[in-house]
Amino acid sequence: MQKKWISAAVLAVVLAIFAGLFVIAHPARAEAPEAAEYMEYENAVVEQILTDSTEADPVSEGHFRGNQNLIVRVKTGRYAGQQMMADNTVGPIYGCPMAVGDGVTVGLSTYSDGTVRCYIYEYDRSMGLALVLGAFLLVTVLVGGKVGLKSLLSLGLTVAALIFILLPLLLRGWPTIGTTFFVSVLVTAATFVILGGVDKKTVCACLGTLAGIALATVFGLLAQNLLRIDGYRQEYAEALLQLRQTEESAIGITGLITAGVIVSALGAVMDVAMSISSALQELTRVNPDLTSKDLFRSGMNIGRDMVGTMTNTLILAILGSGLTLVVYIYSLSLQPWQLLSSAYMSLEAISGIASSIGVMLAVPLTAAICAVSYGKKN
């Protein structure tokens, strides 16, 4: 009973901090006067195809290029219920042919003279995404049972913290690395409390996770300086720089690489730390006479088996997410050392290696913390 009360109190504190950060990230704004020209995006449905000049693209298999003139009915926003003529530009990289009944996202450009231009921005994939998400939730509950429900709750809290707290705070100019690390601390605490409550096991896993993430952050900063590369070399950095030139954002772009290391490594480090902490706690239950030295040795043996596959997972996931660009860079017939020296490969190297180092160093750190906490003193 005491454990439940302590766990509830800790979770309440974390949620209160999240609530405070949310209020800071989303301050009340005085209603600004409407601009003479503005852009907005709304949901719509295709009701009629007026003209269609799309044809099979000769270069890319299974894709089309050309133009469509459509009649769409806007479903959301100030123009909800109205029919509009929309242009749809189709190419192998952007856009796709639309059919009657397709849900779409439209861009609406309102000009100073009151005219509105409507064009197809993207196919509406919300229904497909809902089905994919539903399958994920169903499998998680069927396989994980009660623990699966808890993991979904912690996952939902993590996603909400990143989207509704971390990103707005970064856009408001909060320190990139410090803010990301602090939010990661809160996410780690909330996740472990939701999954296992507050006890020695979760405290040790939490401390091991934070130590591993801290060292991954330090390595990421050192590597970033050594390779003379920062967030300005990342994709969409130019768009963020343009955003900084307005009053809409003061985001710190330089630290985005290391902030990405923190986010990408967090889940893997938490997994390793909790696995080691849980295994060593179980060992002490079976054999209470194990010394701290014995437990540390066992923790290292358990961790070594996990490190190999975990580091592979991290690096392959990072490379796989940018495989298109990797293939393009390779097609330039660069020498291997030139390929590795490219800005993209350097960015991926920092992210993958720093995250892996965080995972690997979490093993001895968590093992040492658990050994001190669980082990019988000589």
Protein backbone atom coordinates (compact mmCIF):
# COMPACT_ATOMS: atom_id res chain seq x y z
CA MET A 1 0.00 0.00 0.00
CA GLN A 2 2.82 2.40 0.85
CA LYS A 3 4.41 1.72 -2.54
CA LYS A 4 1.17 2.67 -4.30
CA TRP A 5 0.91 5.94 -2.41
CA ILE A 6 4.53 6.85 -3.11
CA SER A 7 4.13 5.93 -6.79
CA ALA A 8 0.95 8.01 -7.06
CA ALA A 9 2.67 10.97 -5.39
CA VAL A 10 5.69 10.80 -7.71
CA LEU A 11 3.50 10.49 -10.78
CA ALA A 12 1.36 13.41 -9.58
CA VAL A 13 4.47 15.58 -9.20
CA VAL A 14 5.70 14.67 -12.69
CA LEU A 15 2.28 15.38 -14.22
CA ALA A 16 2.10 18.70 -12.36
CA ILE A 17 5.47 19.70 -13.84
CA PHE A 18 4.24 18.65 -17.28
CA ALA A 19 1.10 20.75 -16.78
CA GLY A 20 3.18 23.77 -15.78
CA LEU A 21 5.45 23.36 -18.80
CA PHE A 22 2.40 23.01 -21.04
CA VAL A 23 1.02 26.32 -19.80
CA ILE A 24 4.39 27.98 -20.41
CA ALA A 25 4.65 26.42 -23.88
CA HIS A 26 1.16 27.57 -24.86
CA PRO A 27 0.65 31.07 -23.44
CA ALA A 28 -2.62 32.86 -24.02
CA ARG A 29 -2.30 35.24 -26.93
CA ALA A 30 -4.21 38.38 -27.68
CA GLU A 31 -6.18 37.96 -30.87
CA ALA A 32 -4.06 39.45 -33.64
CA PRO A 33 -5.66 41.46 -36.44
CA GLU A 34 -6.29 39.36 -39.51
CA ALA A 35 -3.59 39.73 -42.14
CA ALA A 36 -4.47 41.01 -45.58
CA GLU A 37 -3.04 37.83 -47.12
CA TYR A 38 -2.77 34.49 -45.38
CA MET A 39 -2.49 30.76 -45.94
CA GLU A 40 -4.41 27.95 -44.26
CA TYR A 41 -4.83 24.20 -44.66
CA GLU A 42 -8.19 22.42 -44.34
CA ASN A 43 -9.76 19.02 -44.97
CA ALA A 44 -11.88 18.51 -48.08
CA VAL A 45 -13.36 15.80 -50.28
CA VAL A 46 -13.17 15.50 -54.08
CA GLU A 47 -16.65 15.76 -55.64
CA GLN A 48 -15.90 16.13 -59.35
CA ILE A 49 -13.00 15.87 -61.82
CA LEU A 50 -13.21 18.64 -64.44
CA THR A 51 -10.04 17.87 -66.43
CA ASP A 52 -7.37 15.22 -66.10
CA SER A 53 -4.10 15.31 -68.08
CA THR A 54 -2.19 12.83 -65.92
CA GLU A 55 -0.26 10.04 -67.61
CA ALA A 56 2.18 7.33 -66.62
CA ASP A 57 5.61 8.71 -65.79
CA PRO A 58 8.24 7.19 -68.12
CA VAL A 59 11.00 7.26 -65.51
CA SER A 60 9.43 6.19 -62.23
CA GLU A 61 7.52 2.91 -62.20
CA GLY A 62 3.92 3.03 -61.03
CA HIS A 63 3.76 6.84 -60.82
CA PHE A 64 2.08 9.58 -62.84
CA ARG A 65 2.67 13.16 -63.88
CA GLY A 66 0.36 15.90 -65.13
CA ASN A 67 -2.45 18.08 -63.80
CA GLN A 68 -6.02 17.76 -62.62
CA ASN A 69 -8.71 20.40 -62.15
CA LEU A 70 -11.10 19.30 -59.43
CA ILE A 71 -14.20 20.43 -57.58
CA VAL A 72 -13.79 19.87 -53.84
CA ARG A 73 -16.04 20.53 -50.88
CA VAL A 74 -14.21 22.00 -47.89
CA LYS A 75 -15.07 20.23 -44.62
CA THR A 76 -13.26 22.33 -41.99
CA GLY A 77 -12.39 25.94 -41.26
CA ARG A 78 -14.02 29.19 -42.29
CA TYR A 79 -14.92 27.84 -45.74
CA ALA A 80 -16.54 24.63 -44.44
CA GLY A 81 -19.37 23.45 -46.69
CA GLN A 82 -18.28 25.51 -49.69
CA GLN A 83 -17.40 24.08 -53.08
CA MET A 84 -14.15 25.26 -54.64
CA MET A 85 -12.16 24.58 -57.77
CA ALA A 86 -8.77 23.08 -56.89
CA ASP A 87 -5.61 22.46 -58.89
CA ASN A 88 -3.77 19.19 -58.39
CA THR A 89 -0.22 19.00 -59.75
CA VAL A 90 0.95 15.39 -59.98
CA GLY A 91 4.52 14.12 -60.19
CA PRO A 92 6.53 11.06 -59.15
CA ILE A 93 7.88 12.82 -56.03
CA TYR A 94 4.93 14.99 -55.05
CA GLY A 95 1.19 14.65 -55.44
CA CYS A 96 -0.90 11.75 -56.71
CA PRO A 97 -3.95 11.43 -59.00
CA MET A 98 -7.24 11.95 -57.14
CA ALA A 99 -10.57 10.25 -57.66
CA VAL A 100 -14.10 11.29 -56.75
CA GLY A 101 -14.68 10.64 -53.05
CA ASP A 102 -11.01 10.91 -52.02
CA GLY A 103 -10.31 12.83 -48.84
CA VAL A 104 -7.65 15.52 -49.31
CA THR A 105 -5.89 18.34 -47.50
CA VAL A 106 -6.22 21.59 -49.46
CA GLY A 107 -4.16 24.75 -49.26
CA LEU A 108 -6.23 27.93 -49.27
CA SER A 109 -4.45 31.17 -50.19
CA THR A 110 -6.52 34.26 -49.44
CA TYR A 111 -5.29 37.45 -51.14
CA SER A 112 -5.75 41.10 -50.26
CA ASP A 113 -8.46 41.56 -52.89
CA GLY A 114 -10.54 38.79 -51.27
CA THR A 115 -9.92 36.10 -53.90
CA VAL A 116 -9.10 32.58 -52.71
CA ARG A 117 -6.88 30.09 -54.54
CA CYS A 118 -7.37 26.44 -53.67
CA TYR A 119 -4.96 23.64 -54.47
CA ILE A 120 -4.45 20.04 -53.40
CA TYR A 121 -1.76 19.89 -50.76
CA GLU A 122 -1.81 16.18 -49.91
CA TYR A 123 -3.93 13.04 -49.87
CA ASP A 124 -5.71 12.64 -46.53
CA ARG A 125 -4.16 9.57 -44.89
CA SER A 126 -5.86 9.95 -41.50
CA MET A 127 -8.12 6.93 -41.98
CA GLY A 128 -5.23 4.67 -43.00
CA LEU A 129 -3.14 5.92 -40.11
CA ALA A 130 -6.03 5.27 -37.73
CA LEU A 131 -6.23 1.66 -38.96
CA VAL A 132 -2.47 1.16 -38.55
CA LEU A 133 -2.58 2.68 -35.07
CA GLY A 134 -5.59 0.53 -34.18
CA ALA A 135 -3.72 -2.62 -35.22
CA PHE A 136 -0.75 -1.58 -33.08
CA LEU A 137 -2.96 -0.94 -30.05
CA LEU A 138 -4.79 -4.25 -30.51
CA VAL A 139 -1.59 -6.31 -30.82
CA THR A 140 -0.06 -4.54 -27.81
CA VAL A 141 -3.08 -5.30 -25.61
CA LEU A 142 -3.50 -8.90 -26.83
CA VAL A 143 0.17 -9.76 -26.34
CA GLY A 144 1.01 -7.57 -23.36
CA GLY A 145 -2.24 -7.71 -21.41
CA LYS A 146 -2.21 -5.40 -18.38
CA VAL A 147 1.45 -4.56 -18.91
CA GLY A 148 0.64 -3.73 -22.53
CA LEU A 149 -2.03 -1.27 -21.39
CA LYS A 150 0.46 0.37 -19.05
CA SER A 151 3.03 0.60 -21.83
CA LEU A 152 0.46 2.28 -24.10
CA LEU A 153 -0.30 4.77 -21.36
CA SER A 154 3.39 5.60 -20.91
CA LEU A 155 3.85 5.78 -24.69
CA GLY A 156 0.94 8.20 -25.00
CA LEU A 157 2.41 10.37 -22.25
CA THR A 158 5.82 10.33 -23.96
CA VAL A 159 4.42 11.33 -27.35
CA ALA A 160 2.30 14.06 -25.77
CA ALA A 161 5.31 15.41 -23.86
CA LEU A 162 7.42 15.57 -27.02
CA ILE A 163 4.75 17.12 -29.26
CA PHE A 164 2.91 19.45 -26.89
CA ILE A 165 5.72 20.43 -24.51
CA LEU A 166 9.20 19.87 -25.93
CA LEU A 167 8.62 21.13 -29.48
CA PRO A 168 6.74 24.32 -28.47
CA LEU A 169 9.38 25.13 -25.84
CA LEU A 170 12.17 24.69 -28.40
CA LEU A 171 10.33 26.94 -30.85
CA ARG A 172 10.03 29.56 -28.11
CA GLY A 173 13.82 29.60 -27.77
CA TRP A 174 14.41 27.46 -24.69
CA PRO A 175 17.91 25.88 -24.54
CA THR A 176 17.77 23.01 -27.00
CA ILE A 177 19.90 20.41 -25.22
CA GLY A 178 18.99 21.33 -21.65
CA THR A 179 15.26 21.37 -22.36
CA THR A 180 15.38 18.05 -24.23
CA PHE A 181 17.33 16.41 -21.41
CA PHE A 182 14.96 17.76 -18.74
CA VAL A 183 11.86 16.54 -20.59
CA SER A 184 13.60 13.17 -21.03
CA VAL A 185 14.15 12.99 -17.26
CA LEU A 186 10.43 13.56 -16.67
CA VAL A 187 9.47 11.03 -19.35
CA THR A 188 11.82 8.44 -17.84
CA ALA A 189 10.43 8.94 -14.34
CA ALA A 190 6.81 8.79 -15.52
CA THR A 191 7.41 5.69 -17.66
CA PHE A 192 9.07 3.68 -14.90
CA VAL A 193 6.47 4.71 -12.31
CA ILE A 194 3.59 3.75 -14.61
CA LEU A 195 5.15 0.40 -15.51
CA GLY A 196 6.46 -0.71 -12.12
CA GLY A 197 5.76 1.82 -9.41
CA VAL A 198 8.44 3.23 -7.14
CA ASP A 199 10.81 0.61 -5.71
CA LYS A 200 14.49 -0.26 -5.79
CA LYS A 201 14.20 -1.78 -9.25
CA THR A 202 12.68 1.27 -10.92
CA VAL A 203 14.90 3.74 -9.03
CA CYS A 204 18.04 1.87 -10.12
CA ALA A 205 16.77 1.63 -13.71
CA CYS A 206 15.91 5.33 -13.72
CA LEU A 207 19.35 6.35 -12.42
CA GLY A 208 21.07 4.05 -14.93
CA THR A 209 18.99 5.50 -17.77
CA LEU A 210 19.77 9.09 -16.88
CA ALA A 211 23.48 8.34 -16.50
CA GLY A 212 23.56 6.64 -19.90
CA ILE A 213 21.66 9.49 -21.58
CA ALA A 214 23.93 12.06 -19.95
CA LEU A 215 27.05 10.35 -21.30
CA ALA A 216 25.48 9.98 -24.76
CA THR A 217 24.78 13.73 -24.67
CA VAL A 218 28.38 14.53 -23.74
CA PHE A 219 29.72 12.29 -26.50
CA GLY A 220 27.33 13.82 -29.02
CA LEU A 221 28.57 17.32 -28.17
CA LEU A 222 32.22 16.24 -28.41
CA ALA A 223 31.66 14.50 -31.74
CA GLN A 224 29.73 17.48 -33.08
CA ASN A 225 32.66 19.79 -32.30
CA LEU A 226 35.26 17.31 -33.57
CA LEU A 227 33.52 16.86 -36.93
CA ARG A 228 32.76 20.59 -37.24
CA ILE A 229 29.10 20.05 -37.90
CA ASP A 230 25.94 21.22 -36.20
CA GLY A 231 22.20 21.46 -36.63
CA TYR A 232 22.49 23.90 -39.52
CA ARG A 233 23.58 21.01 -41.78
CA GLN A 234 20.41 19.03 -41.14
CA GLU A 235 17.46 18.71 -43.48
CA TYR A 236 14.98 21.59 -43.12
CA ALA A 237 17.53 23.69 -41.23
CA GLU A 238 17.11 26.39 -43.87
CA ALA A 239 13.36 26.48 -43.24
CA LEU A 240 13.98 26.79 -39.49
CA LEU A 241 16.47 29.57 -40.15
CA GLN A 242 13.85 31.45 -42.13
CA LEU A 243 11.44 30.92 -39.25
CA ARG A 244 13.97 32.44 -36.88
CA GLN A 245 14.06 35.58 -39.00
CA THR A 246 10.43 36.19 -38.09
CA GLU A 247 8.99 36.79 -34.64
CA GLU A 248 7.41 33.33 -34.69
CA SER A 249 10.41 31.35 -33.40
CA ALA A 250 13.74 31.68 -31.64
CA ILE A 251 14.68 28.00 -31.87
CA GLY A 252 18.32 27.08 -31.20
CA ILE A 253 19.30 25.16 -34.32
CA THR A 254 22.91 24.40 -33.35
CA GLY A 255 22.02 21.88 -30.62
CA LEU A 256 19.40 19.95 -32.60
CA ILE A 257 21.85 17.14 -33.43
CA THR A 258 22.58 16.38 -29.78
CA ALA A 259 18.92 16.83 -28.86
CA GLY A 260 18.13 14.19 -31.49
CA VAL A 261 20.69 11.88 -29.87
CA ILE A 262 18.89 12.21 -26.53
CA VAL A 263 15.48 11.41 -28.01
CA SER A 264 16.67 8.54 -30.21
CA ALA A 265 18.68 6.88 -27.44
CA LEU A 266 16.15 7.28 -24.63
CA GLY A 267 13.98 4.25 -25.39
CA ALA A 268 16.89 1.86 -25.94
CA VAL A 269 18.73 3.00 -22.81
CA MET A 270 15.55 2.64 -20.74
CA ASP A 271 15.10 -0.88 -22.10
CA VAL A 272 18.64 -1.94 -21.20
CA ALA A 273 18.57 -0.32 -17.74
CA MET A 274 15.23 -1.85 -16.76
CA SER A 275 16.20 -5.31 -18.05
CA ILE A 276 19.41 -5.33 -16.02
CA SER A 277 17.76 -3.94 -12.90
CA SER A 278 14.89 -6.42 -13.08
CA ALA A 279 17.22 -9.39 -13.68
CA LEU A 280 19.53 -8.50 -10.78
CA GLN A 281 16.61 -7.97 -8.43
CA GLU A 282 15.34 -11.44 -9.32
CA LEU A 283 18.80 -12.91 -8.69
CA THR A 284 18.87 -11.44 -5.18
CA ARG A 285 15.45 -12.93 -4.45
CA VAL A 286 16.69 -16.37 -5.45
CA ASN A 287 20.04 -15.97 -3.66
CA PRO A 288 20.04 -13.18 -1.04
CA ASP A 289 23.70 -13.93 -0.19
CA LEU A 290 25.04 -12.57 -3.49
CA THR A 291 27.62 -9.84 -2.92
CA SER A 292 27.79 -6.54 -4.76
CA LYS A 293 30.75 -7.88 -6.74
CA ASP A 294 28.79 -10.96 -7.82
CA LEU A 295 25.81 -8.86 -8.88
CA PHE A 296 27.95 -6.44 -10.85
CA ARG A 297 29.58 -9.33 -12.71
CA SER A 298 26.15 -10.85 -13.46
CA GLY A 299 24.82 -7.49 -14.61
CA MET A 300 27.73 -7.07 -17.01
CA ASN A 301 27.17 -10.57 -18.45
CA ILE A 302 23.47 -9.84 -18.98
CA GLY A 303 24.23 -6.44 -20.51
CA ARG A 304 26.82 -7.76 -22.94
CA ASP A 305 24.24 -10.06 -24.49
CA MET A 306 21.92 -7.10 -25.01
CA VAL A 307 24.43 -4.56 -26.30
CA GLY A 308 25.25 -6.26 -29.61
CA THR A 309 21.68 -6.46 -30.93
CA MET A 310 20.66 -3.12 -29.41
CA THR A 311 23.46 -1.15 -31.08
CA ASN A 312 22.67 -2.87 -34.38
CA THR A 313 19.04 -1.88 -33.97
CA LEU A 314 19.89 1.76 -33.32
CA ILE A 315 22.35 2.23 -36.17
CA LEU A 316 20.30 0.28 -38.73
CA ALA A 317 17.15 2.19 -37.79
CA ILE A 318 18.92 5.53 -38.24
CA LEU A 319 20.48 4.54 -41.57
CA GLY A 320 17.27 2.94 -42.77
CA SER A 321 15.28 6.12 -42.16
CA GLY A 322 17.57 7.96 -44.59
CA LEU A 323 18.27 5.13 -47.04
CA THR A 324 17.12 7.17 -50.07
CA LEU A 325 19.73 9.85 -49.42
CA VAL A 326 22.42 7.23 -48.69
CA VAL A 327 21.74 5.57 -52.05
CA TYR A 328 21.94 8.95 -53.81
CA ILE A 329 25.25 9.87 -52.16
CA TYR A 330 26.66 6.43 -53.03
CA SER A 331 25.59 6.90 -56.67
CA LEU A 332 27.93 9.89 -56.94
CA SER A 333 30.84 7.40 -57.14
CA LEU A 334 32.60 8.91 -54.15
CA GLN A 335 35.52 7.15 -52.52
CA PRO A 336 34.56 5.39 -49.25
CA TRP A 337 36.30 8.01 -47.12
CA GLN A 338 34.58 10.79 -49.08
CA LEU A 339 31.22 9.09 -48.59
CA LEU A 340 31.80 8.83 -44.85
CA SER A 341 32.94 12.47 -44.71
CA SER A 342 29.75 13.79 -46.27
CA ALA A 343 27.60 15.97 -44.04
CA TYR A 344 24.71 13.48 -44.00
CA MET A 345 26.86 10.48 -43.09
CA SER A 346 28.60 12.52 -40.39
CA LEU A 347 25.24 13.48 -38.92
CA GLU A 348 24.07 9.88 -38.95
CA ALA A 349 27.37 8.72 -37.47
CA ILE A 350 27.02 11.14 -34.56
CA SER A 351 23.43 10.10 -33.93
CA GLY A 352 24.00 6.34 -34.23
CA ILE A 353 27.34 6.12 -32.41
CA ALA A 354 26.43 8.52 -29.59
CA SER A 355 23.15 6.67 -29.00
CA SER A 356 24.97 3.33 -29.02
CA ILE A 357 27.55 4.61 -26.54
CA GLY A 358 24.70 5.68 -24.26
CA VAL A 359 23.28 2.15 -24.45
CA MET A 360 26.64 0.47 -23.84
CA LEU A 361 27.64 2.68 -20.92
CA ALA A 362 24.22 2.22 -19.36
CA VAL A 363 25.18 -1.43 -18.79
CA PRO A 364 28.06 -0.95 -16.31
CA LEU A 365 26.40 2.10 -14.76
CA THR A 366 23.11 0.31 -14.10
CA ALA A 367 24.94 -2.84 -12.98
CA ALA A 368 27.01 -0.80 -10.52
CA ILE A 369 23.97 1.03 -9.13
CA CYS A 370 22.05 -2.23 -8.72
CA ALA A 371 25.05 -3.98 -7.17
CA VAL A 372 25.34 -1.29 -4.52
CA SER A 373 21.59 -1.25 -3.89
CA TYR A 374 20.85 -5.01 -3.93
CA GLY A 375 24.12 -6.70 -2.99
CA LYS A 376 25.11 -8.09 0.35
CA LYS A 377 28.01 -6.11 1.75
CA ASN A 378 31.22 -8.06 2.39
